[in-house]
Protein backbone atom coordinates (compact mmCIF):
# COMPACT_ATOMS: atom_id res chain seq x y z
CA MET A 1 -119.65 -110.27 63.41
CA ASN A 2 -122.44 -108.17 61.75
CA THR A 3 -121.04 -104.82 61.09
CA ALA A 4 -123.31 -103.49 58.28
CA PRO A 5 -125.16 -101.08 60.57
CA TYR A 6 -122.03 -99.37 61.66
CA TYR A 7 -120.86 -99.12 58.02
CA LYS A 8 -124.13 -97.32 57.19
CA MET A 9 -123.84 -94.71 59.97
CA THR A 10 -123.41 -91.24 58.44
CA PHE A 11 -120.00 -89.61 58.96
CA SER A 12 -121.69 -86.33 59.74
CA LYS A 13 -123.65 -87.85 62.66
CA ILE A 14 -120.59 -89.51 64.26
CA TYR A 15 -118.46 -86.47 63.55
CA LEU A 16 -120.85 -84.36 65.48
CA LEU A 17 -120.62 -86.91 68.37
CA TYR A 18 -116.85 -86.83 68.21
CA ILE A 19 -116.94 -83.07 68.59
CA ALA A 20 -119.50 -83.15 71.39
CA LYS A 21 -117.32 -85.83 73.21
CA VAL A 22 -114.06 -83.89 73.12
CA SER A 23 -115.65 -80.48 73.84
CA ARG A 24 -116.70 -81.93 77.33
CA LYS A 25 -112.96 -81.93 78.08
CA ASP A 26 -112.22 -78.61 76.55
CA HIS A 27 -111.00 -79.89 73.29
CA THR A 28 -112.04 -78.36 69.94
CA LYS A 29 -113.54 -79.11 66.59
CA ASP A 30 -110.16 -78.11 65.09
CA GLU A 31 -108.33 -80.84 66.97
CA VAL A 32 -110.90 -83.40 65.71
CA ASP A 33 -110.32 -82.07 62.29
CA GLN A 34 -106.59 -82.36 62.70
CA ILE A 35 -106.92 -86.01 63.72
CA VAL A 36 -109.45 -86.78 60.86
CA SER A 37 -107.17 -85.10 58.41
CA TRP A 38 -104.10 -86.95 59.56
CA PHE A 39 -105.81 -90.38 59.58
CA THR A 40 -107.60 -89.94 56.19
CA GLY A 41 -105.76 -87.35 54.13
CA TYR A 42 -108.90 -85.21 53.65
CA ASP A 43 -108.30 -81.54 53.98
CA GLN A 44 -110.52 -79.04 55.93
CA LYS A 45 -112.74 -78.42 52.98
CA ASP A 46 -113.29 -82.17 52.43
CA ILE A 47 -114.15 -82.70 56.07
CA ALA A 48 -116.59 -79.83 56.10
CA TYR A 49 -118.25 -81.27 52.96
CA TYR A 50 -118.69 -84.74 54.53
CA ALA A 51 -120.01 -83.09 57.75
CA GLN A 52 -122.80 -81.72 55.65
CA THR A 53 -123.76 -84.86 53.66
CA ASN A 54 -125.43 -88.20 54.43
CA ALA A 55 -122.31 -90.13 53.29
CA THR A 56 -121.83 -93.22 55.15
CA PHE A 57 -118.70 -94.16 57.06
CA GLU A 58 -118.03 -96.74 54.27
CA THR A 59 -118.25 -94.03 51.61
CA PHE A 60 -116.07 -91.60 53.76
CA PHE A 61 -113.34 -94.21 54.21
CA ASN A 62 -113.52 -95.62 50.73
CA ASN A 63 -113.10 -92.17 49.17
CA ALA A 64 -110.22 -91.12 51.59
CA PRO A 65 -107.36 -89.61 49.62
CA HIS A 66 -104.56 -91.17 51.72
CA MET A 67 -105.05 -93.29 54.80
CA HIS A 68 -102.06 -92.61 56.97
CA PRO A 69 -99.51 -95.45 56.87
CA ASN A 70 -98.87 -95.27 60.67
CA ARG A 71 -102.44 -96.10 61.51
CA SER A 72 -101.21 -99.71 62.18
CA LEU A 73 -99.28 -98.21 65.20
CA ILE A 74 -102.66 -97.49 66.88
CA LYS A 75 -103.11 -100.05 69.61
CA GLY A 76 -105.85 -100.50 72.37
CA VAL A 77 -109.32 -101.37 73.16
CA ILE A 78 -112.51 -99.64 71.85
CA CYS A 79 -115.95 -101.04 72.66
CA GLY A 80 -114.35 -104.19 73.98
CA LEU A 81 -112.42 -104.81 70.78
CA ARG A 82 -108.64 -104.77 70.46
CA VAL A 83 -108.28 -102.48 67.39
CA GLU A 84 -105.10 -104.08 66.08
CA ASP A 85 -106.94 -107.49 65.98
CA ILE A 86 -109.90 -106.46 63.88
CA GLU A 87 -109.75 -108.32 60.67
CA ASP A 88 -112.14 -106.16 58.65
CA SER A 89 -110.29 -103.22 57.32
CA LEU A 90 -113.23 -100.90 57.21
CA VAL A 91 -114.29 -101.71 60.81
CA GLN A 92 -110.69 -101.45 61.79
CA ASN A 93 -110.30 -97.99 60.26
CA ILE A 94 -113.57 -96.81 61.91
CA ARG A 95 -112.28 -98.15 65.42
CA TYR A 96 -108.82 -96.71 64.72
CA LEU A 97 -110.47 -93.20 64.28
CA ASP A 98 -112.67 -93.88 67.43
CA LYS A 99 -109.45 -94.75 69.35
CA LEU A 100 -107.70 -91.56 68.23
CA ILE A 101 -110.65 -89.40 69.28
CA ASP A 102 -110.87 -91.24 72.65
CA GLU A 103 -107.24 -90.59 73.29
CA LEU A 104 -107.90 -86.86 72.75
CA TYR A 105 -110.89 -87.06 75.12
CA LYS A 106 -108.68 -88.68 77.73
CA GLY A 107 -106.21 -85.83 77.49
CA LYS A 108 -103.40 -87.19 75.33
CA LEU A 109 -101.58 -84.44 73.31
CA LEU A 110 -102.05 -84.19 69.66
CA GLU A 111 -98.36 -84.69 69.06
CA LYS A 112 -98.60 -88.14 70.70
CA ILE A 113 -101.90 -88.92 69.06
CA LEU A 114 -100.66 -88.35 65.55
CA ARG A 115 -97.92 -91.03 65.62
């Protein structure tokens, strides 16, 4: 599986897409930030910094202060891939985050999303 293009996508671009997606269902940037912070350990200032840079997803995840240990509890399918079965840890982390945002979009409560 060639994942290099996905690694090279900028966090800022995807972050804006996450916000646009959840806002269609009356969710907020703050909720997206809570998910990103829980998942990566970044604080609000760090998220705002990465939202203004051209840092790739690869850089964003490689520099994450503390990937949440419960991320392995995230299960399900994103883009036809079962997230718990993805072997490449970077791709898996990207898809885990996608899954969390998708759960917010679908109306799941933050308390349930942040396992």
